[in-house]
Amino acid sequence: SALRDVRESKRKLVNDLVTAGYDVLPGDANFFLLRTDDARSLREKLLRQGMVVRDCASFGLSACVRIA
């Protein structure tokens, strides 16, 4: 099913990011937070590569981006 595919893709991406040394804050939703030293720069870099991520500064989490 599509939901199973989304969950599997998320699991793989989170595992790959953790393996690469990133600080991932997983959750049960279809998104997760990635903690970084410079969320704004990371967001801009990922946008240039075609990934749409959200800067979490408006949530009071200026060191995180949200990846869905």
PDB file of N, CA and C in Angstrom:
ATOM      1  N   SER A   1       0.833  -1.191   0.000  1.00  0.00           N
ATOM      2  CA  SER A   1       0.000   0.000   0.000  1.00  0.00           C
ATOM      3  C   SER A   1       0.872   1.246   0.000  1.00  0.00           C
ATOM      4  N   ALA A   2       0.277   2.375  -0.310  1.00  0.00           N
ATOM      5  CA  ALA A   2       1.007   3.643  -0.349  1.00  0.00           C
ATOM      6  C   ALA A   2       1.521   4.010   1.044  1.00  0.00           C
ATOM      7  N   LEU A   3       0.715   3.790   2.060  1.00  0.00           N
ATOM      8  CA  LEU A   3       1.126   4.111   3.426  1.00  0.00           C
ATOM      9  C   LEU A   3       2.339   3.277   3.834  1.00  0.00           C
ATOM     10  N   ARG A   4       2.323   2.019   3.494  1.00  0.00           N
ATOM     11  CA  ARG A   4       3.457   1.146   3.802  1.00  0.00           C
ATOM     12  C   ARG A   4       4.711   1.640   3.083  1.00  0.00           C
ATOM     13  N   ASP A   5       4.567   2.067   1.840  1.00  0.00           N
ATOM     14  CA  ASP A   5       5.705   2.586   1.078  1.00  0.00           C
ATOM     15  C   ASP A   5       6.273   3.852   1.710  1.00  0.00           C
ATOM     16  N   VAL A   6       5.386   4.746   2.171  1.00  0.00           N
ATOM     17  CA  VAL A   6       5.834   5.983   2.828  1.00  0.00           C
ATOM     18  C   VAL A   6       6.591   5.650   4.104  1.00  0.00           C
ATOM     19  N   ARG A   7       6.043   4.751   4.897  1.00  0.00           N
ATOM     20  CA  ARG A   7       6.701   4.374   6.163  1.00  0.00           C
ATOM     21  C   ARG A   7       8.064   3.731   5.912  1.00  0.00           C
ATOM     22  N   GLU A   8       8.152   2.885   4.910  1.00  0.00           N
ATOM     23  CA  GLU A   8       9.423   2.230   4.591  1.00  0.00           C
ATOM     24  C   GLU A   8      10.442   3.245   4.069  1.00  0.00           C
ATOM     25  N   SER A   9      10.003   4.158   3.237  1.00  0.00           N
ATOM     26  CA  SER A   9      10.906   5.197   2.715  1.00  0.00           C
ATOM     27  C   SER A   9      11.416   6.074   3.850  1.00  0.00           C
ATOM     28  N   LYS A  10      10.527   6.431   4.771  1.00  0.00           N
ATOM     29  CA  LYS A  10      10.930   7.248   5.916  1.00  0.00           C
ATOM     30  C   LYS A  10      11.946   6.496   6.771  1.00  0.00           C
ATOM     31  N   ARG A  11      11.658   5.219   7.050  1.00  0.00           N
ATOM     32  CA  ARG A  11      12.571   4.420   7.873  1.00  0.00           C
ATOM     33  C   ARG A  11      13.952   4.360   7.237  1.00  0.00           C
ATOM     34  N   LYS A  12      14.004   4.128   5.936  1.00  0.00           N
ATOM     35  CA  LYS A  12      15.285   4.042   5.245  1.00  0.00           C
ATOM     36  C   LYS A  12      16.020   5.375   5.270  1.00  0.00           C
ATOM     37  N   LEU A  13      15.310   6.470   5.016  1.00  0.00           N
ATOM     38  CA  LEU A  13      15.946   7.784   5.022  1.00  0.00           C
ATOM     39  C   LEU A  13      16.479   8.126   6.404  1.00  0.00           C
ATOM     40  N   VAL A  14      15.693   7.875   7.447  1.00  0.00           N
ATOM     41  CA  VAL A  14      16.154   8.142   8.814  1.00  0.00           C
ATOM     42  C   VAL A  14      17.393   7.309   9.124  1.00  0.00           C
ATOM     43  N   ASN A  15      17.372   6.027   8.792  1.00  0.00           N
ATOM     44  CA  ASN A  15      18.533   5.174   9.040  1.00  0.00           C
ATOM     45  C   ASN A  15      19.765   5.674   8.288  1.00  0.00           C
ATOM     46  N   ASP A  16      19.588   6.074   7.027  1.00  0.00           N
ATOM     47  CA  ASP A  16      20.718   6.584   6.237  1.00  0.00           C
ATOM     48  C   ASP A  16      21.282   7.869   6.835  1.00  0.00           C
ATOM     49  N   LEU A  17      20.404   8.762   7.296  1.00  0.00           N
ATOM     50  CA  LEU A  17      20.871  10.014   7.896  1.00  0.00           C
ATOM     51  C   LEU A  17      21.603   9.766   9.206  1.00  0.00           C
ATOM     52  N   VAL A  18      21.086   8.874  10.033  1.00  0.00           N
ATOM     53  CA  VAL A  18      21.752   8.536  11.295  1.00  0.00           C
ATOM     54  C   VAL A  18      23.121   7.911  11.008  1.00  0.00           C
ATOM     55  N   THR A  19      23.172   7.015  10.042  1.00  0.00           N
ATOM     56  CA  THR A  19      24.435   6.382   9.663  1.00  0.00           C
ATOM     57  C   THR A  19      25.444   7.424   9.179  1.00  0.00           C
ATOM     58  N   ALA A  20      24.949   8.462   8.506  1.00  0.00           N
ATOM     59  CA  ALA A  20      25.823   9.527   7.994  1.00  0.00           C
ATOM     60  C   ALA A  20      26.225  10.513   9.091  1.00  0.00           C
ATOM     61  N   GLY A  21      25.711  10.314  10.318  1.00  0.00           N
ATOM     62  CA  GLY A  21      26.126  11.145  11.435  1.00  0.00           C
ATOM     63  C   GLY A  21      25.177  12.279  11.792  1.00  0.00           C
ATOM     64  N   TYR A  22      24.010  12.338  11.172  1.00  0.00           N
ATOM     65  CA  TYR A  22      23.049  13.389  11.493  1.00  0.00           C
ATOM     66  C   TYR A  22      22.253  13.039  12.738  1.00  0.00           C
ATOM     67  N   ASP A  23      21.805  14.071  13.445  1.00  0.00           N
ATOM     68  CA  ASP A  23      20.994  13.921  14.647  1.00  0.00           C
ATOM     69  C   ASP A  23      19.531  14.000  14.237  1.00  0.00           C
ATOM     70  N   VAL A  24      18.888  12.853  14.134  1.00  0.00           N
ATOM     71  CA  VAL A  24      17.501  12.773  13.688  1.00  0.00           C
ATOM     72  C   VAL A  24      16.600  12.529  14.895  1.00  0.00           C
ATOM     73  N   LEU A  25      15.542  13.306  14.982  1.00  0.00           N
ATOM     74  CA  LEU A  25      14.562  13.147  16.039  1.00  0.00           C
ATOM     75  C   LEU A  25      13.328  12.517  15.413  1.00  0.00           C
ATOM     76  N   PRO A  26      13.232  11.187  15.407  1.00  0.00           N
ATOM     77  CA  PRO A  26      12.124  10.519  14.728  1.00  0.00           C
ATOM     78  C   PRO A  26      10.818  10.663  15.493  1.00  0.00           C
ATOM     79  N   GLY A  27       9.748  10.405  14.785  1.00  0.00           N
ATOM     80  CA  GLY A  27       8.423  10.419  15.389  1.00  0.00           C
ATOM     81  C   GLY A  27       7.530   9.473  14.625  1.00  0.00           C
ATOM     82  N   ASP A  28       6.301   9.386  15.042  1.00  0.00           N
ATOM     83  CA  ASP A  28       5.357   8.478  14.404  1.00  0.00           C
ATOM     84  C   ASP A  28       4.643   9.095  13.205  1.00  0.00           C
ATOM     85  N   ALA A  29       4.751  10.394  13.038  1.00  0.00           N
ATOM     86  CA  ALA A  29       4.093  11.082  11.922  1.00  0.00           C
ATOM     87  C   ALA A  29       4.840  10.801  10.622  1.00  0.00           C
ATOM     88  N   ASN A  30       4.346  11.358   9.531  1.00  0.00           N
ATOM     89  CA  ASN A  30       4.995  11.139   8.238  1.00  0.00           C
ATOM     90  C   ASN A  30       6.178  12.072   8.034  1.00  0.00           C
ATOM     91  N   PHE A  31       6.622  12.748   9.081  1.00  0.00           N
ATOM     92  CA  PHE A  31       7.782  13.625   9.007  1.00  0.00           C
ATOM     93  C   PHE A  31       8.685  13.366  10.203  1.00  0.00           C
ATOM     94  N   PHE A  32       9.881  13.941  10.141  1.00  0.00           N
ATOM     95  CA  PHE A  32      10.793  13.870  11.280  1.00  0.00           C
ATOM     96  C   PHE A  32      11.602  15.149  11.313  1.00  0.00           C
ATOM     97  N   LEU A  33      12.244  15.394  12.440  1.00  0.00           N
ATOM     98  CA  LEU A  33      13.094  16.574  12.585  1.00  0.00           C
ATOM     99  C   LEU A  33      14.547  16.162  12.494  1.00  0.00           C
ATOM    100  N   LEU A  34      15.322  17.001  11.840  1.00  0.00           N
ATOM    101  CA  LEU A  34      16.754  16.799  11.738  1.00  0.00           C
ATOM    102  C   LEU A  34      17.410  18.002  12.401  1.00  0.00           C
ATOM    103  N   ARG A  35      18.193  17.745  13.430  1.00  0.00           N
ATOM    104  CA  ARG A  35      18.869  18.818  14.164  1.00  0.00           C
ATOM    105  C   ARG A  35      20.187  19.132  13.465  1.00  0.00           C
ATOM    106  N   THR A  36      20.464  20.413  13.317  1.00  0.00           N
ATOM    107  CA  THR A  36      21.661  20.850  12.622  1.00  0.00           C
ATOM    108  C   THR A  36      22.162  22.155  13.230  1.00  0.00           C
ATOM    109  N   ASP A  37      23.410  22.492  12.984  1.00  0.00           N
ATOM    110  CA  ASP A  37      23.969  23.737  13.505  1.00  0.00           C
ATOM    111  C   ASP A  37      23.404  24.959  12.786  1.00  0.00           C
ATOM    112  N   ASP A  38      23.030  24.807  11.519  1.00  0.00           N
ATOM    113  CA  ASP A  38      22.550  25.932  10.723  1.00  0.00           C
ATOM    114  C   ASP A  38      21.371  25.493   9.864  1.00  0.00           C
ATOM    115  N   ALA A  39      20.187  25.490  10.462  1.00  0.00           N
ATOM    116  CA  ALA A  39      18.991  24.990   9.791  1.00  0.00           C
ATOM    117  C   ALA A  39      18.666  25.783   8.529  1.00  0.00           C
ATOM    118  N   ARG A  40      18.840  27.088   8.580  1.00  0.00           N
ATOM    119  CA  ARG A  40      18.510  27.913   7.414  1.00  0.00           C
ATOM    120  C   ARG A  40      19.382  27.549   6.217  1.00  0.00           C
ATOM    121  N   SER A  41      20.676  27.398   6.435  1.00  0.00           N
ATOM    122  CA  SER A  41      21.582  27.039   5.334  1.00  0.00           C
ATOM    123  C   SER A  41      21.302  25.638   4.814  1.00  0.00           C
ATOM    124  N   LEU A  42      21.032  24.698   5.719  1.00  0.00           N
ATOM    125  CA  LEU A  42      20.725  23.340   5.293  1.00  0.00           C
ATOM    126  C   LEU A  42      19.444  23.320   4.469  1.00  0.00           C
ATOM    127  N   ARG A  43      18.438  24.044   4.911  1.00  0.00           N
ATOM    128  CA  ARG A  43      17.175  24.112   4.170  1.00  0.00           C
ATOM    129  C   ARG A  43      17.413  24.643   2.760  1.00  0.00           C
ATOM    130  N   GLU A  44      18.164  25.724   2.639  1.00  0.00           N
ATOM    131  CA  GLU A  44      18.442  26.306   1.327  1.00  0.00           C
ATOM    132  C   GLU A  44      19.215  25.336   0.434  1.00  0.00           C
ATOM    133  N   LYS A  45      20.183  24.649   1.022  1.00  0.00           N
ATOM    134  CA  LYS A  45      20.967  23.667   0.255  1.00  0.00           C
ATOM    135  C   LYS A  45      20.071  22.539  -0.254  1.00  0.00           C
ATOM    136  N   LEU A  46      19.211  22.015   0.619  1.00  0.00           N
ATOM    137  CA  LEU A  46      18.325  20.930   0.220  1.00  0.00           C
ATOM    138  C   LEU A  46      17.302  21.385  -0.817  1.00  0.00           C
ATOM    139  N   LEU A  47      16.822  22.621  -0.695  1.00  0.00           N
ATOM    140  CA  LEU A  47      15.894  23.160  -1.695  1.00  0.00           C
ATOM    141  C   LEU A  47      16.552  23.205  -3.071  1.00  0.00           C
ATOM    142  N   ARG A  48      17.811  23.611  -3.122  1.00  0.00           N
ATOM    143  CA  ARG A  48      18.535  23.654  -4.404  1.00  0.00           C
ATOM    144  C   ARG A  48      18.675  22.261  -5.012  1.00  0.00           C
ATOM    145  N   GLN A  49      18.639  21.232  -4.167  1.00  0.00           N
ATOM    146  CA  GLN A  49      18.745  19.852  -4.642  1.00  0.00           C
ATOM    147  C   GLN A  49      17.370  19.220  -4.880  1.00  0.00           C
ATOM    148  N   GLY A  50      16.317  20.015  -4.764  1.00  0.00           N
ATOM    149  CA  GLY A  50      14.978  19.526  -5.053  1.00  0.00           C
ATOM    150  C   GLY A  50      14.230  18.936  -3.879  1.00  0.00           C
ATOM    151  N   MET A  51      14.800  19.013  -2.678  1.00  0.00           N
ATOM    152  CA  MET A  51      14.105  18.507  -1.486  1.00  0.00           C
ATOM    153  C   MET A  51      13.398  19.666  -0.802  1.00  0.00           C
ATOM    154  N   VAL A  52      12.134  19.487  -0.511  1.00  0.00           N
ATOM    155  CA  VAL A  52      11.370  20.521   0.170  1.00  0.00           C
ATOM    156  C   VAL A  52      11.344  20.180   1.659  1.00  0.00           C
ATOM    157  N   VAL A  53      11.970  21.041   2.435  1.00  0.00           N
ATOM    158  CA  VAL A  53      12.011  20.859   3.883  1.00  0.00           C
ATOM    159  C   VAL A  53      11.560  22.155   4.534  1.00  0.00           C
ATOM    160  N   ARG A  54      11.171  22.072   5.779  1.00  0.00           N
ATOM    161  CA  ARG A  54      10.679  23.247   6.488  1.00  0.00           C
ATOM    162  C   ARG A  54      11.647  23.636   7.591  1.00  0.00           C
ATOM    163  N   ASP A  55      11.989  24.893   7.628  1.00  0.00           N
ATOM    164  CA  ASP A  55      12.777  25.479   8.709  1.00  0.00           C
ATOM    165  C   ASP A  55      11.847  25.571   9.918  1.00  0.00           C
ATOM    166  N   CYS A  56      12.265  25.094  11.072  1.00  0.00           N
ATOM    167  CA  CYS A  56      11.384  25.022  12.242  1.00  0.00           C
ATOM    168  C   CYS A  56      11.546  26.196  13.203  1.00  0.00           C
ATOM    169  N   ALA A  57      12.199  27.265  12.761  1.00  0.00           N
ATOM    170  CA  ALA A  57      12.395  28.425  13.635  1.00  0.00           C
ATOM    171  C   ALA A  57      11.063  28.982  14.125  1.00  0.00           C
ATOM    172  N   SER A  58      10.032  28.950  13.282  1.00  0.00           N
ATOM    173  CA  SER A  58       8.728  29.485  13.683  1.00  0.00           C
ATOM    174  C   SER A  58       8.084  28.653  14.795  1.00  0.00           C
ATOM    175  N   PHE A  59       8.584  27.441  14.998  1.00  0.00           N
ATOM    176  CA  PHE A  59       8.100  26.583  16.086  1.00  0.00           C
ATOM    177  C   PHE A  59       8.957  26.723  17.334  1.00  0.00           C
ATOM    178  N   GLY A  60       9.969  27.591  17.282  1.00  0.00           N
ATOM    179  CA  GLY A  60      10.905  27.720  18.393  1.00  0.00           C
ATOM    180  C   GLY A  60      12.020  26.695  18.340  1.00  0.00           C
ATOM    181  N   LEU A  61      12.185  26.041  17.188  1.00  0.00           N
ATOM    182  CA  LEU A  61      13.231  25.028  17.024  1.00  0.00           C
ATOM    183  C   LEU A  61      14.189  25.486  15.925  1.00  0.00           C
ATOM    184  N   SER A  62      14.939  26.541  16.210  1.00  0.00           N
ATOM    185  CA  SER A  62      15.781  27.151  15.175  1.00  0.00           C
ATOM    186  C   SER A  62      16.929  26.258  14.723  1.00  0.00           C
ATOM    187  N   ALA A  63      17.213  25.189  15.430  1.00  0.00           N
ATOM    188  CA  ALA A  63      18.302  24.291  15.049  1.00  0.00           C
ATOM    189  C   ALA A  63      17.794  23.052  14.317  1.00  0.00           C
ATOM    190  N   CYS A  64      16.528  23.086  13.855  1.00  0.00           N
ATOM    191  CA  CYS A  64      15.946  21.905  13.204  1.00  0.00           C
ATOM    192  C   CYS A  64      15.300  22.255  11.872  1.00  0.00           C
ATOM    193  N   VAL A  65      15.300  21.244  11.000  1.00  0.00           N
ATOM    194  CA  VAL A  65      14.474  21.291   9.799  1.00  0.00           C
ATOM    195  C   VAL A  65      13.526  20.098   9.876  1.00  0.00           C
ATOM    196  N   ARG A  66      12.358  20.265   9.265  1.00  0.00           N
ATOM    197  CA  ARG A  66      11.372  19.189   9.236  1.00  0.00           C
ATOM    198  C   ARG A  66      11.360  18.589   7.846  1.00  0.00           C
ATOM    199  N   ILE A  67      11.515  17.275   7.779  1.00  0.00           N
ATOM    200  CA  ILE A  67      11.530  16.564   6.513  1.00  0.00           C
ATOM    201  C   ILE A  67      10.319  15.641   6.475  1.00  0.00           C
ATOM    202  N   ALA A  68       9.512  15.795   5.433  1.00  0.00           N
ATOM    203  CA  ALA A  68       8.303  14.974   5.292  1.00  0.00           C
ATOM    204  C   ALA A  68       8.461  14.039   4.119  1.00  0.00           C
TER     205      ALA A  68
END
